[in-house]
Amino acid sequence: MADLHTRFRVRLKLLRVGKNLRQEDLARLCNCSVNTIQKIEGGKVLVNLDHIERFAAAMKIPERDFFDFGDVSPNLIAEGVKVRARIRKRHTR
């Protein structure tokens, strides 16, 4: 099973996309940078409680919804890893 941070960042993206928000939209609503959203969703930085509170307020959902991992399957996580690897490979050419 994936660690908590991995499941959280996948769940964050699912919720964001489910609300039809781009990373830019969420960043504006949370008063943070797009780079911060990208790094959290990409697993480059760890989320903190302040981020969770901001994300919940911006998406108008309770904080606990970020920890409902029922739709975060190992296959979904594995696919995200593959996609990121392909993107990195393209950028290194």
N, C-alpha and C. Protein backbone atom coordinates (compact mmCIF):
# COMPACT_ATOMS: atom_id res chain seq x y z
N MET A 1 0.84 -1.18 0.00
CA MET A 1 0.00 0.00 0.00
C MET A 1 0.89 1.24 0.00
N ALA A 2 0.46 2.23 -0.71
CA ALA A 2 1.21 3.49 -0.80
C ALA A 2 1.19 4.22 0.54
N ASP A 3 2.22 5.03 0.75
CA ASP A 3 2.27 5.78 2.00
C ASP A 3 1.21 6.88 2.03
N LEU A 4 1.02 7.44 3.20
CA LEU A 4 -0.02 8.44 3.42
C LEU A 4 0.15 9.65 2.50
N HIS A 5 1.37 10.13 2.35
CA HIS A 5 1.60 11.31 1.51
C HIS A 5 1.24 11.05 0.05
N THR A 6 1.58 9.86 -0.43
CA THR A 6 1.25 9.51 -1.82
C THR A 6 -0.26 9.44 -2.00
N ARG A 7 -0.93 8.78 -1.08
CA ARG A 7 -2.39 8.69 -1.19
C ARG A 7 -3.03 10.06 -1.07
N PHE A 8 -2.49 10.92 -0.20
CA PHE A 8 -3.04 12.26 -0.04
C PHE A 8 -2.91 13.06 -1.32
N ARG A 9 -1.73 13.06 -1.92
CA ARG A 9 -1.53 13.90 -3.12
C ARG A 9 -2.38 13.42 -4.29
N VAL A 10 -2.57 12.10 -4.39
CA VAL A 10 -3.45 11.58 -5.44
C VAL A 10 -4.89 12.00 -5.15
N ARG A 11 -5.28 11.92 -3.90
CA ARG A 11 -6.64 12.33 -3.50
C ARG A 11 -6.86 13.82 -3.75
N LEU A 12 -5.86 14.63 -3.43
CA LEU A 12 -5.95 16.07 -3.70
C LEU A 12 -6.23 16.32 -5.17
N LYS A 13 -5.49 15.67 -6.03
CA LYS A 13 -5.69 15.88 -7.47
C LYS A 13 -7.07 15.41 -7.90
N LEU A 14 -7.52 14.26 -7.40
CA LEU A 14 -8.86 13.77 -7.74
C LEU A 14 -9.93 14.78 -7.33
N LEU A 15 -9.81 15.31 -6.13
CA LEU A 15 -10.79 16.29 -5.66
C LEU A 15 -10.72 17.57 -6.48
N ARG A 16 -9.52 18.02 -6.77
CA ARG A 16 -9.34 19.26 -7.55
C ARG A 16 -9.96 19.10 -8.93
N VAL A 17 -9.64 18.01 -9.60
CA VAL A 17 -10.18 17.77 -10.94
C VAL A 17 -11.69 17.58 -10.88
N GLY A 18 -12.16 16.90 -9.83
CA GLY A 18 -13.60 16.71 -9.66
C GLY A 18 -14.36 18.02 -9.48
N LYS A 19 -13.68 19.03 -8.99
CA LYS A 19 -14.27 20.37 -8.83
C LYS A 19 -14.02 21.25 -10.05
N ASN A 20 -13.46 20.65 -11.10
CA ASN A 20 -13.13 21.38 -12.34
C ASN A 20 -12.19 22.55 -12.09
N LEU A 21 -11.22 22.32 -11.22
CA LEU A 21 -10.23 23.35 -10.92
C LEU A 21 -8.89 22.98 -11.53
N ARG A 22 -8.28 23.93 -12.18
CA ARG A 22 -6.90 23.76 -12.64
C ARG A 22 -5.99 24.05 -11.44
N GLN A 23 -4.74 23.67 -11.55
CA GLN A 23 -3.80 23.99 -10.47
C GLN A 23 -3.75 25.50 -10.26
N GLU A 24 -3.83 26.26 -11.32
CA GLU A 24 -3.81 27.72 -11.23
C GLU A 24 -5.01 28.25 -10.45
N ASP A 25 -6.17 27.64 -10.69
CA ASP A 25 -7.38 28.06 -9.98
C ASP A 25 -7.26 27.79 -8.49
N LEU A 26 -6.81 26.59 -8.14
CA LEU A 26 -6.66 26.25 -6.73
C LEU A 26 -5.63 27.15 -6.05
N ALA A 27 -4.54 27.41 -6.74
CA ALA A 27 -3.50 28.29 -6.17
C ALA A 27 -4.07 29.67 -5.88
N ARG A 28 -4.84 30.21 -6.81
CA ARG A 28 -5.45 31.53 -6.60
C ARG A 28 -6.41 31.51 -5.42
N LEU A 29 -7.24 30.48 -5.34
CA LEU A 29 -8.21 30.38 -4.25
C LEU A 29 -7.54 30.17 -2.89
N CYS A 30 -6.39 29.53 -2.89
CA CYS A 30 -5.67 29.24 -1.64
C CYS A 30 -4.64 30.29 -1.28
N ASN A 31 -4.47 31.26 -2.17
CA ASN A 31 -3.45 32.28 -1.96
C ASN A 31 -2.06 31.65 -1.78
N CYS A 32 -1.75 30.72 -2.69
CA CYS A 32 -0.43 30.12 -2.72
C CYS A 32 0.02 30.05 -4.17
N SER A 33 1.21 29.61 -4.41
CA SER A 33 1.73 29.59 -5.78
C SER A 33 1.33 28.30 -6.50
N VAL A 34 1.27 28.40 -7.81
CA VAL A 34 1.02 27.22 -8.64
C VAL A 34 2.14 26.21 -8.40
N ASN A 35 3.34 26.72 -8.22
CA ASN A 35 4.49 25.87 -7.97
C ASN A 35 4.28 25.02 -6.71
N THR A 36 3.66 25.59 -5.68
CA THR A 36 3.38 24.84 -4.46
C THR A 36 2.41 23.70 -4.74
N ILE A 37 1.36 23.98 -5.48
CA ILE A 37 0.38 22.94 -5.84
C ILE A 37 1.07 21.84 -6.65
N GLN A 38 1.86 22.25 -7.63
CA GLN A 38 2.57 21.28 -8.47
C GLN A 38 3.50 20.40 -7.63
N LYS A 39 4.21 21.01 -6.71
CA LYS A 39 5.14 20.24 -5.89
C LYS A 39 4.42 19.29 -4.94
N ILE A 40 3.30 19.70 -4.40
CA ILE A 40 2.53 18.82 -3.51
C ILE A 40 1.96 17.66 -4.31
N GLU A 41 1.30 17.97 -5.43
CA GLU A 41 0.71 16.90 -6.24
C GLU A 41 1.78 16.00 -6.85
N GLY A 42 2.95 16.55 -7.10
CA GLY A 42 4.03 15.77 -7.68
C GLY A 42 4.89 15.03 -6.68
N GLY A 43 4.60 15.22 -5.39
CA GLY A 43 5.34 14.52 -4.36
C GLY A 43 6.71 15.11 -4.05
N LYS A 44 6.94 16.34 -4.47
CA LYS A 44 8.23 16.99 -4.22
C LYS A 44 8.32 17.62 -2.84
N VAL A 45 7.18 18.05 -2.30
CA VAL A 45 7.14 18.60 -0.94
C VAL A 45 5.99 17.94 -0.19
N LEU A 46 6.12 17.92 1.11
CA LEU A 46 5.09 17.34 1.95
C LEU A 46 4.03 18.39 2.27
N VAL A 47 2.80 17.96 2.27
CA VAL A 47 1.70 18.85 2.61
C VAL A 47 1.72 19.12 4.11
N ASN A 48 1.28 20.29 4.51
CA ASN A 48 1.18 20.58 5.94
C ASN A 48 -0.27 20.93 6.27
N LEU A 49 -0.55 21.09 7.55
CA LEU A 49 -1.93 21.35 7.98
C LEU A 49 -2.48 22.65 7.41
N ASP A 50 -1.65 23.65 7.28
CA ASP A 50 -2.08 24.92 6.70
C ASP A 50 -2.57 24.71 5.27
N HIS A 51 -1.83 23.92 4.49
CA HIS A 51 -2.26 23.62 3.12
C HIS A 51 -3.61 22.92 3.12
N ILE A 52 -3.75 21.92 3.98
CA ILE A 52 -5.00 21.16 4.01
C ILE A 52 -6.18 22.07 4.34
N GLU A 53 -6.00 22.95 5.30
CA GLU A 53 -7.07 23.90 5.64
C GLU A 53 -7.39 24.81 4.46
N ARG A 54 -6.37 25.31 3.79
CA ARG A 54 -6.60 26.18 2.63
C ARG A 54 -7.30 25.45 1.49
N PHE A 55 -6.84 24.22 1.20
CA PHE A 55 -7.45 23.44 0.12
C PHE A 55 -8.92 23.17 0.43
N ALA A 56 -9.21 22.79 1.66
CA ALA A 56 -10.59 22.49 2.05
C ALA A 56 -11.47 23.72 1.92
N ALA A 57 -10.98 24.86 2.39
CA ALA A 57 -11.76 26.10 2.29
C ALA A 57 -11.99 26.48 0.83
N ALA A 58 -10.95 26.36 0.02
CA ALA A 58 -11.06 26.73 -1.40
C ALA A 58 -12.04 25.84 -2.15
N MET A 59 -12.04 24.55 -1.82
CA MET A 59 -12.92 23.61 -2.52
C MET A 59 -14.26 23.44 -1.82
N LYS A 60 -14.41 24.13 -0.68
CA LYS A 60 -15.65 24.08 0.10
C LYS A 60 -16.02 22.64 0.47
N ILE A 61 -15.02 21.95 1.03
CA ILE A 61 -15.23 20.58 1.49
C ILE A 61 -14.59 20.45 2.88
N PRO A 62 -15.04 19.47 3.67
CA PRO A 62 -14.40 19.26 4.98
C PRO A 62 -13.00 18.66 4.80
N GLU A 63 -12.12 18.98 5.72
CA GLU A 63 -10.74 18.48 5.66
C GLU A 63 -10.70 16.96 5.60
N ARG A 64 -11.62 16.31 6.27
CA ARG A 64 -11.60 14.84 6.32
C ARG A 64 -11.74 14.21 4.93
N ASP A 65 -12.35 14.94 3.99
CA ASP A 65 -12.51 14.38 2.64
C ASP A 65 -11.18 14.09 1.97
N PHE A 66 -10.13 14.76 2.38
CA PHE A 66 -8.82 14.50 1.80
C PHE A 66 -8.26 13.15 2.24
N PHE A 67 -8.84 12.58 3.28
CA PHE A 67 -8.34 11.32 3.83
C PHE A 67 -9.28 10.15 3.57
N ASP A 68 -10.25 10.34 2.68
CA ASP A 68 -11.14 9.26 2.25
C ASP A 68 -10.49 8.65 1.01
N PHE A 69 -9.69 7.62 1.23
CA PHE A 69 -8.87 7.07 0.16
C PHE A 69 -9.54 5.94 -0.62
N GLY A 70 -10.85 5.83 -0.52
CA GLY A 70 -11.56 4.75 -1.20
C GLY A 70 -11.35 4.74 -2.71
N ASP A 71 -11.19 5.91 -3.32
CA ASP A 71 -11.02 5.97 -4.78
C ASP A 71 -9.56 6.10 -5.18
N VAL A 72 -8.63 5.96 -4.24
CA VAL A 72 -7.20 6.05 -4.54
C VAL A 72 -6.65 4.64 -4.57
N SER A 73 -6.79 4.01 -5.71
CA SER A 73 -6.35 2.63 -5.85
C SER A 73 -4.85 2.56 -6.15
N PRO A 74 -4.23 1.43 -5.84
CA PRO A 74 -2.81 1.26 -6.19
C PRO A 74 -2.56 1.42 -7.69
N ASN A 75 -3.53 1.00 -8.51
CA ASN A 75 -3.38 1.15 -9.97
C ASN A 75 -3.34 2.62 -10.37
N LEU A 76 -4.17 3.43 -9.73
CA LEU A 76 -4.20 4.86 -10.02
C LEU A 76 -2.88 5.50 -9.63
N ILE A 77 -2.35 5.12 -8.49
CA ILE A 77 -1.06 5.65 -8.04
C ILE A 77 0.04 5.22 -8.99
N ALA A 78 0.05 3.93 -9.37
CA ALA A 78 1.07 3.42 -10.28
C ALA A 78 1.00 4.13 -11.63
N GLU A 79 -0.19 4.39 -12.12
CA GLU A 79 -0.34 5.10 -13.40
C GLU A 79 0.21 6.50 -13.30
N GLY A 80 -0.03 7.18 -12.19
CA GLY A 80 0.53 8.51 -11.99
C GLY A 80 2.04 8.51 -12.02
N VAL A 81 2.66 7.49 -11.45
CA VAL A 81 4.11 7.38 -11.45
C VAL A 81 4.61 7.18 -12.88
N LYS A 82 3.92 6.36 -13.66
CA LYS A 82 4.32 6.12 -15.05
C LYS A 82 4.22 7.40 -15.87
N VAL A 83 3.14 8.14 -15.69
CA VAL A 83 2.95 9.39 -16.43
C VAL A 83 4.06 10.38 -16.10
N ARG A 84 4.38 10.53 -14.82
CA ARG A 84 5.46 11.45 -14.43
C ARG A 84 6.79 11.02 -15.02
N ALA A 85 7.05 9.72 -15.07
CA ALA A 85 8.31 9.22 -15.64
C ALA A 85 8.39 9.55 -17.13
N ARG A 86 7.27 9.41 -17.85
CA ARG A 86 7.27 9.74 -19.28
C ARG A 86 7.49 11.23 -19.49
N ILE A 87 6.89 12.05 -18.64
CA ILE A 87 7.07 13.50 -18.76
C ILE A 87 8.52 13.87 -18.50
N ARG A 88 9.12 13.32 -17.46
CA ARG A 88 10.53 13.60 -17.16
C ARG A 88 11.43 13.19 -18.31
N LYS A 89 11.15 12.02 -18.88
CA LYS A 89 11.96 11.50 -19.99
C LYS A 89 11.90 12.46 -21.19
N ARG A 90 10.71 12.98 -21.48
CA ARG A 90 10.55 13.93 -22.58
C ARG A 90 11.34 15.21 -22.35
N HIS A 91 11.37 15.66 -21.11
CA HIS A 91 12.05 16.93 -20.79
C HIS A 91 13.56 16.80 -20.74
N THR A 92 14.08 15.57 -20.65
CA THR A 92 15.53 15.39 -20.59
C THR A 92 16.14 15.18 -21.96
N ARG A 93 15.32 15.10 -22.96
CA ARG A 93 15.84 14.91 -24.33
C ARG A 93 16.35 16.20 -24.90
